C-alpha atoms as a PDB file:
ATOM      1  CA  MET A   1     -58.597 -14.127 -16.810  1.00  0.00           C
ATOM      2  CA  ARG A   2     -58.493 -11.124 -14.271  1.00  0.00           C
ATOM      3  CA  GLY A   3     -56.418  -9.309 -16.244  1.00  0.00           C
ATOM      4  CA  LEU A   4     -57.916  -9.694 -20.075  1.00  0.00           C
ATOM      5  CA  LEU A   5     -61.340  -9.014 -17.963  1.00  0.00           C
ATOM      6  CA  PHE A   6     -59.770  -5.145 -17.000  1.00  0.00           C
ATOM      7  CA  ALA A   7     -58.146  -5.165 -20.869  1.00  0.00           C
ATOM      8  CA  ALA A   8     -61.926  -5.757 -21.611  1.00  0.00           C
ATOM      9  CA  LEU A   9     -63.722  -2.776 -19.415  1.00  0.00           C
ATOM     10  CA  ALA A  10     -60.421  -0.448 -20.973  1.00  0.00           C
ATOM     11  CA  ALA A  11     -61.660  -0.957 -23.631  1.00  0.00           C
ATOM     12  CA  GLY A  12     -65.067  -0.066 -22.968  1.00  0.00           C
ATOM     13  CA  ALA A  13     -64.105   2.685 -20.749  1.00  0.00           C
ATOM     14  CA  VAL A  14     -61.498   4.277 -23.308  1.00  0.00           C
ATOM     15  CA  SER A  15     -63.613   3.074 -26.565  1.00  0.00           C
ATOM     16  CA  ALA A  16     -63.773   7.101 -27.586  1.00  0.00           C
ATOM     17  CA  CYS A  17     -60.461   8.355 -26.305  1.00  0.00           C
ATOM     18  CA  SER A  18     -59.409   9.327 -30.023  1.00  0.00           C
ATOM     19  CA  GLY A  19     -62.055  12.353 -29.525  1.00  0.00           C
ATOM     20  CA  THR A  20     -61.466  13.044 -25.396  1.00  0.00           C
ATOM     21  CA  LYS A  21     -60.086  15.883 -24.606  1.00  0.00           C
ATOM     22  CA  LEU A  22     -57.420  16.496 -21.820  1.00  0.00           C
ATOM     23  CA  SER A  23     -59.424  19.070 -20.179  1.00  0.00           C
ATOM     24  CA  GLN A  24     -62.823  17.014 -19.075  1.00  0.00           C
ATOM     25  CA  PHE A  25     -60.413  15.245 -17.093  1.00  0.00           C
ATOM     26  CA  LYS A  26     -59.183  17.827 -14.675  1.00  0.00           C
ATOM     27  CA  ASP A  27     -61.669  17.378 -11.815  1.00  0.00           C
ATOM     28  CA  ALA A  28     -61.081  13.252 -11.929  1.00  0.00           C
ATOM     29  CA  GLU A  29     -59.805  11.937  -9.114  1.00  0.00           C
ATOM     30  CA  PRO A  30     -57.359  10.370  -8.093  1.00  0.00           C
ATOM     31  CA  LYS A  31     -54.784  12.310  -9.622  1.00  0.00           C
ATOM     32  CA  LEU A  32     -51.987  11.031 -11.964  1.00  0.00           C
ATOM     33  CA  ASP A  33     -48.369  11.008 -11.165  1.00  0.00           C
ATOM     34  CA  LEU A  34     -46.311   8.456 -13.098  1.00  0.00           C
ATOM     35  CA  TYR A  35     -43.317   8.457 -10.257  1.00  0.00           C
ATOM     36  CA  GLU A  36     -45.633   7.722  -7.400  1.00  0.00           C
ATOM     37  CA  TYR A  37     -48.072   4.782  -9.536  1.00  0.00           C
ATOM     38  CA  PHE A  38     -45.163   3.021 -10.971  1.00  0.00           C
ATOM     39  CA  GLN A  39     -42.443   3.238  -8.236  1.00  0.00           C
ATOM     40  CA  GLY A  40     -42.011  -0.523  -7.364  1.00  0.00           C
ATOM     41  CA  GLU A  41     -43.537  -3.650  -8.884  1.00  0.00           C
ATOM     42  CA  SER A  42     -46.556  -3.956 -11.180  1.00  0.00           C
ATOM     43  CA  VAL A  43     -48.033  -6.353 -13.602  1.00  0.00           C
ATOM     44  CA  ALA A  44     -49.987  -5.479 -17.113  1.00  0.00           C
ATOM     45  CA  TYR A  45     -52.039  -7.865 -19.512  1.00  0.00           C
ATOM     46  CA  GLY A  46     -52.679  -6.719 -22.999  1.00  0.00           C
ATOM     47  CA  ILE A  47     -54.419  -6.994 -26.014  1.00  0.00           C
ATOM     48  CA  PHE A  48     -53.561  -6.138 -29.460  1.00  0.00           C
ATOM     49  CA  GLU A  49     -56.286  -5.634 -32.273  1.00  0.00           C
ATOM     50  CA  ASP A  50     -55.840  -5.292 -35.577  1.00  0.00           C
ATOM     51  CA  ARG A  51     -57.887  -2.572 -37.869  1.00  0.00           C
ATOM     52  CA  PHE A  52     -60.936  -5.094 -38.427  1.00  0.00           C
ATOM     53  CA  GLY A  53     -61.272  -5.884 -34.751  1.00  0.00           C
ATOM     54  CA  LYS A  54     -59.070  -8.895 -34.762  1.00  0.00           C
ATOM     55  CA  ILE A  55     -57.419  -9.801 -31.957  1.00  0.00           C
ATOM     56  CA  ARG A  56     -53.478 -10.330 -33.076  1.00  0.00           C
ATOM     57  CA  ARG A  57     -51.824 -10.764 -30.103  1.00  0.00           C
ATOM     58  CA  GLN A  58     -52.022 -11.500 -25.784  1.00  0.00           C
ATOM     59  CA  PHE A  59     -49.358 -10.613 -23.290  1.00  0.00           C
ATOM     60  CA  ARG A  60     -48.701 -10.126 -19.508  1.00  0.00           C
ATOM     61  CA  VAL A  61     -45.911  -7.299 -18.740  1.00  0.00           C
ATOM     62  CA  ASP A  62     -43.729  -7.831 -15.665  1.00  0.00           C
ATOM     63  CA  ILE A  63     -42.485  -4.182 -14.625  1.00  0.00           C
ATOM     64  CA  THR A  64     -39.914  -2.398 -12.264  1.00  0.00           C
ATOM     65  CA  GLY A  65     -39.662   1.426 -11.812  1.00  0.00           C
ATOM     66  CA  SER A  66     -36.856   2.827  -9.754  1.00  0.00           C
ATOM     67  CA  VAL A  67     -36.428   6.249  -9.694  1.00  0.00           C
ATOM     68  CA  ASP A  68     -32.366   7.181 -10.257  1.00  0.00           C
ATOM     69  CA  ASP A  69     -30.255   9.596  -8.823  1.00  0.00           C
ATOM     70  CA  GLY A  70     -30.525  12.161 -11.714  1.00  0.00           C
ATOM     71  CA  GLY A  71     -34.339  12.103 -11.055  1.00  0.00           C
ATOM     72  CA  THR A  72     -35.277   9.876 -13.750  1.00  0.00           C
ATOM     73  CA  LEU A  73     -38.181   7.124 -13.651  1.00  0.00           C
ATOM     74  CA  VAL A  74     -36.621   4.160 -14.779  1.00  0.00           C
ATOM     75  CA  LEU A  75     -39.406   1.653 -16.255  1.00  0.00           C
ATOM     76  CA  ASP A  76     -37.712  -2.016 -17.008  1.00  0.00           C
ATOM     77  CA  GLU A  77     -40.538  -4.023 -18.481  1.00  0.00           C
ATOM     78  CA  ARG A  78     -40.677  -7.609 -19.608  1.00  0.00           C
ATOM     79  CA  PHE A  79     -43.404  -9.011 -22.103  1.00  0.00           C
ATOM     80  CA  GLN A  80     -44.435 -12.593 -22.092  1.00  0.00           C
ATOM     81  CA  TYR A  81     -46.559 -13.335 -25.769  1.00  0.00           C
ATOM     82  CA  ALA A  82     -49.584 -15.847 -25.465  1.00  0.00           C
ATOM     83  CA  ASP A  83     -47.455 -17.477 -28.557  1.00  0.00           C
ATOM     84  CA  GLY A  84     -43.854 -18.442 -26.224  1.00  0.00           C
ATOM     85  CA  GLU A  85     -41.881 -15.147 -27.278  1.00  0.00           C
ATOM     86  CA  THR A  86     -40.493 -12.417 -24.626  1.00  0.00           C
ATOM     87  CA  ASP A  87     -39.162  -9.054 -24.698  1.00  0.00           C
ATOM     88  CA  ARG A  88     -38.467  -6.337 -22.998  1.00  0.00           C
ATOM     89  CA  ARG A  89     -37.807  -2.537 -23.130  1.00  0.00           C
ATOM     90  CA  VAL A  90     -36.552   0.220 -20.243  1.00  0.00           C
ATOM     91  CA  TRP A  91     -38.144   3.413 -20.258  1.00  0.00           C
ATOM     92  CA  ARG A  92     -36.429   6.437 -19.190  1.00  0.00           C
ATOM     93  CA  ILE A  93     -39.118   9.176 -18.071  1.00  0.00           C
ATOM     94  CA  ASN A  94     -38.755  12.504 -17.242  1.00  0.00           C
ATOM     95  CA  ARG A  95     -40.541  15.331 -15.769  1.00  0.00           C
ATOM     96  CA  ALA A  96     -41.085  18.339 -18.016  1.00  0.00           C
ATOM     97  CA  GLY A  97     -42.987  20.811 -16.178  1.00  0.00           C
ATOM     98  CA  PRO A  98     -46.053  20.907 -14.021  1.00  0.00           C
ATOM     99  CA  ASP A  99     -48.340  19.035 -15.999  1.00  0.00           C
ATOM    100  CA  ARG A 100     -45.601  17.297 -18.653  1.00  0.00           C
ATOM    101  CA  TYR A 101     -43.342  14.368 -19.055  1.00  0.00           C
ATOM    102  CA  ARG A 102     -40.977  13.119 -21.619  1.00  0.00           C
ATOM    103  CA  GLY A 103     -39.853   9.827 -22.300  1.00  0.00           C
ATOM    104  CA  GLU A 104     -37.520   7.617 -24.017  1.00  0.00           C
ATOM    105  CA  ALA A 105     -36.864   4.503 -24.844  1.00  0.00           C
ATOM    106  CA  GLY A 106     -34.363   2.084 -27.475  1.00  0.00           C
ATOM    107  CA  ASP A 107     -36.882   1.803 -29.918  1.00  0.00           C
ATOM    108  CA  ILE A 108     -38.930   5.450 -29.910  1.00  0.00           C
ATOM    109  CA  ILE A 109     -38.185   7.544 -32.072  1.00  0.00           C
ATOM    110  CA  GLY A 110     -37.309  10.883 -30.534  1.00  0.00           C
ATOM    111  CA  THR A 111     -38.798  11.807 -27.581  1.00  0.00           C
ATOM    112  CA  ALA A 112     -42.037  10.657 -26.205  1.00  0.00           C
ATOM    113  CA  GLN A 113     -44.115  13.884 -25.223  1.00  0.00           C
ATOM    114  CA  GLY A 114     -47.129  13.221 -22.302  1.00  0.00           C
ATOM    115  CA  ARG A 115     -48.845  15.489 -20.817  1.00  0.00           C
ATOM    116  CA  VAL A 116     -51.382  14.684 -17.462  1.00  0.00           C
ATOM    117  CA  VAL A 117     -54.892  16.520 -16.776  1.00  0.00           C
ATOM    118  CA  GLY A 118     -56.438  14.728 -13.386  1.00  0.00           C
ATOM    119  CA  ASN A 119     -56.324  11.183 -13.850  1.00  0.00           C
ATOM    120  CA  ALA A 120     -55.424  11.232 -17.104  1.00  0.00           C
ATOM    121  CA  LEU A 121     -52.339  11.329 -19.034  1.00  0.00           C
ATOM    122  CA  ASN A 122     -51.983  11.419 -22.840  1.00  0.00           C
ATOM    123  CA  TRP A 123     -48.639  10.313 -24.601  1.00  0.00           C
ATOM    124  CA  SER A 124     -47.467  10.943 -28.635  1.00  0.00           C
ATOM    125  CA  TYR A 125     -44.593   9.117 -30.183  1.00  0.00           C
ATOM    126  CA  ARG A 126     -43.488   7.299 -33.218  1.00  0.00           C
ATOM    127  CA  MET A 127     -41.627   3.800 -32.290  1.00  0.00           C
ATOM    128  CA  ASP A 128     -40.053   1.452 -34.563  1.00  0.00           C
ATOM    129  CA  LEU A 129     -42.524  -1.575 -34.533  1.00  0.00           C
ATOM    130  CA  LYS A 130     -41.355  -5.204 -35.123  1.00  0.00           C
ATOM    131  CA  VAL A 131     -43.265  -6.639 -38.141  1.00  0.00           C
ATOM    132  CA  GLY A 132     -42.424  -9.909 -39.203  1.00  0.00           C
ATOM    133  CA  ASP A 133     -38.946 -10.051 -40.156  1.00  0.00           C
ATOM    134  CA  GLY A 134     -38.700  -6.519 -40.672  1.00  0.00           C
ATOM    135  CA  THR A 135     -39.668  -3.416 -38.579  1.00  0.00           C
ATOM    136  CA  TRP A 136     -42.554  -0.479 -39.571  1.00  0.00           C
ATOM    137  CA  ARG A 137     -42.512   2.961 -38.241  1.00  0.00           C
ATOM    138  CA  VAL A 138     -45.844   4.225 -36.456  1.00  0.00           C
ATOM    139  CA  GLY A 139     -46.925   6.497 -34.513  1.00  0.00           C
ATOM    140  CA  PHE A 140     -48.874   6.023 -30.931  1.00  0.00           C
ATOM    141  CA  ASP A 141     -52.037   7.851 -29.740  1.00  0.00           C
ATOM    142  CA  ASP A 142     -51.389   7.186 -26.319  1.00  0.00           C
ATOM    143  CA  TRP A 143     -54.142   7.096 -23.649  1.00  0.00           C
ATOM    144  CA  MET A 144     -53.735   5.970 -19.802  1.00  0.00           C
ATOM    145  CA  LEU A 145     -56.633   6.501 -16.921  1.00  0.00           C
ATOM    146  CA  LEU A 146     -55.917   5.697 -13.233  1.00  0.00           C
ATOM    147  CA  GLN A 147     -58.984   3.883 -11.595  1.00  0.00           C
ATOM    148  CA  ASP A 148     -57.299   3.911  -7.983  1.00  0.00           C
ATOM    149  CA  ASP A 149     -54.302   3.385  -6.461  1.00  0.00           C
ATOM    150  CA  LYS A 150     -53.918  -0.013  -8.055  1.00  0.00           C
ATOM    151  CA  VAL A 151     -55.846   0.600 -11.524  1.00  0.00           C
ATOM    152  CA  LEU A 152     -54.279   2.023 -14.541  1.00  0.00           C
ATOM    153  CA  ILE A 153     -56.185   1.589 -17.735  1.00  0.00           C
ATOM    154  CA  ASN A 154     -54.373   2.362 -21.042  1.00  0.00           C
ATOM    155  CA  LYS A 155     -55.429   2.358 -24.469  1.00  0.00           C
ATOM    156  CA  ALA A 156     -53.382   3.585 -27.395  1.00  0.00           C
ATOM    157  CA  THR A 157     -54.244   4.190 -31.377  1.00  0.00           C
ATOM    158  CA  VAL A 158     -51.457   2.609 -33.713  1.00  0.00           C
ATOM    159  CA  THR A 159     -50.916   4.682 -36.817  1.00  0.00           C
ATOM    160  CA  ARG A 160     -49.224   3.948 -40.125  1.00  0.00           C
ATOM    161  CA  PHE A 161     -49.018   6.544 -42.608  1.00  0.00           C
ATOM    162  CA  GLY A 162     -51.617   8.616 -40.960  1.00  0.00           C
ATOM    163  CA  LEU A 163     -53.865   5.792 -41.171  1.00  0.00           C
ATOM    164  CA  GLU A 164     -55.194   3.088 -38.759  1.00  0.00           C
ATOM    165  CA  ILE A 165     -53.509  -0.418 -38.435  1.00  0.00           C
ATOM    166  CA  GLY A 166     -54.592  -1.216 -34.936  1.00  0.00           C
ATOM    167  CA  ARG A 167     -55.633  -0.858 -30.996  1.00  0.00           C
ATOM    168  CA  LEU A 168     -53.931  -1.623 -27.999  1.00  0.00           C
ATOM    169  CA  PHE A 169     -55.614  -2.480 -24.622  1.00  0.00           C
ATOM    170  CA  ILE A 170     -53.655  -2.812 -21.141  1.00  0.00           C
ATOM    171  CA  THR A 171     -55.030  -2.588 -17.796  1.00  0.00           C
ATOM    172  CA  PHE A 172     -51.624  -2.131 -15.034  1.00  0.00           C
ATOM    173  CA  ARG A 173     -52.126  -3.063 -11.767  1.00  0.00           C
ATOM    174  CA  LYS A 174     -49.809  -2.594  -8.869  1.00  0.00           C
ATOM    175  CA  THR A 175     -48.701  -5.694  -6.720  1.00  0.00           C
ATOM    176  CA  GLY A 176     -47.463  -5.878  -3.203  1.00  0.00           C
ATOM    177  CA  ASP A 177     -48.010  -8.448  -0.417  1.00  0.00           C
ATOM    178  CA  THR A 178     -51.567  -8.677  -0.049  1.00  0.00           C
ATOM    179  CA  ALA A 179     -53.598 -12.528  -0.856  1.00  0.00           C
ATOM    180  CA  ASP A 180     -55.184 -10.249  -3.688  1.00  0.00           C
ATOM    181  CA  ASP A 181     -51.737  -9.562  -5.320  1.00  0.00           C
ATOM    182  CA  ALA A 182     -50.475 -13.225  -4.900  1.00  0.00           C
ATOM    183  CA  MET A 183     -53.354 -14.322  -6.622  1.00  0.00           C
ATOM    184  CA  ALA A 184     -53.227 -12.085  -9.244  1.00  0.00           C
ATOM    185  CA  GLU A 185     -49.377 -13.256  -9.093  1.00  0.00           C
ATOM    186  CA  ALA A 186     -50.451 -17.162  -9.616  1.00  0.00           C
ATOM    187  CA  GLY A 187     -52.983 -15.996 -12.412  1.00  0.00           C
ATOM    188  CA  PRO A 188     -52.329 -16.732 -16.330  1.00  0.00           C
ATOM    189  CA  ARG A 189     -48.971 -15.783 -17.947  1.00  0.00           C
ATOM    190  CA  SER A 190     -49.598 -15.814 -21.108  1.00  0.00           C
ATOM    191  CA  PRO A 191     -52.223 -13.081 -21.746  1.00  0.00           C
ATOM    192  CA  GLY A 192     -49.470 -10.753 -26.501  1.00  0.00           C
ATOM    193  CA  THR A 193     -49.462  -7.501 -28.812  1.00  0.00           C
ATOM    194  CA  PRO A 194     -46.618  -5.365 -30.880  1.00  0.00           C
ATOM    195  CA  SER A 195     -45.322  -4.557 -27.576  1.00  0.00           C
ATOM    196  CA  PRO A 196     -45.403  -1.019 -27.295  1.00  0.00           C
ATOM    197  CA  ASN A 197     -42.021  -1.994 -27.671  1.00  0.00           C
ATOM    198  CA  GLY A 198     -42.464  -4.014 -30.808  1.00  0.00           C
ATOM    199  CA  ARG A 199     -38.882  -5.575 -31.125  1.00  0.00           C
ATOM    200  CA  ARG A 200     -36.642  -7.913 -29.041  1.00  0.00           C
ATOM    201  CA  ALA A 201     -34.075  -6.273 -26.565  1.00  0.00           C
ATOM    202  CA  ASP A 202     -30.406  -6.758 -26.983  1.00  0.00           C
END
């Protein structure tokens, strides 16, 4: 339930992100650095709701982050959906400047482009999203807000042909050896969406 509670808080905290400007976060703390936050182990819980507000999927993601010899941040994401489906995505993220990132993954069209200001990151990308037996090419306007050294909240607006088809809410939490982390790890494992991956890994 903790993961779902965080997701609900995330929804309220960033409900206006589509009209938000990165500049408003320039003095916000703590400063977000994807390399610093995602190296090591983290866990995320998320929900996907359609444009009518109906929750379509709930999921959990276990994430392992590492930096390879070339300086690329590699995120190995393993999805577990409430309906029993599993999925996987591997992101490869590089710095593109002092406040910019670029990312690639198997189902991302081209390269995701992101810019960070203060505690906020805004990603923009297109991907092939698994829907039934086929795929839809959709766009993501993806916002991440760092709350403290462990908690990162994420909201993404999903569009097709320029029209919003749904929203994705995710809360990430770094895990470790504390008792609090152990309790979180023992929590519900079923909390799904079109994974920002969307399709099964090979």
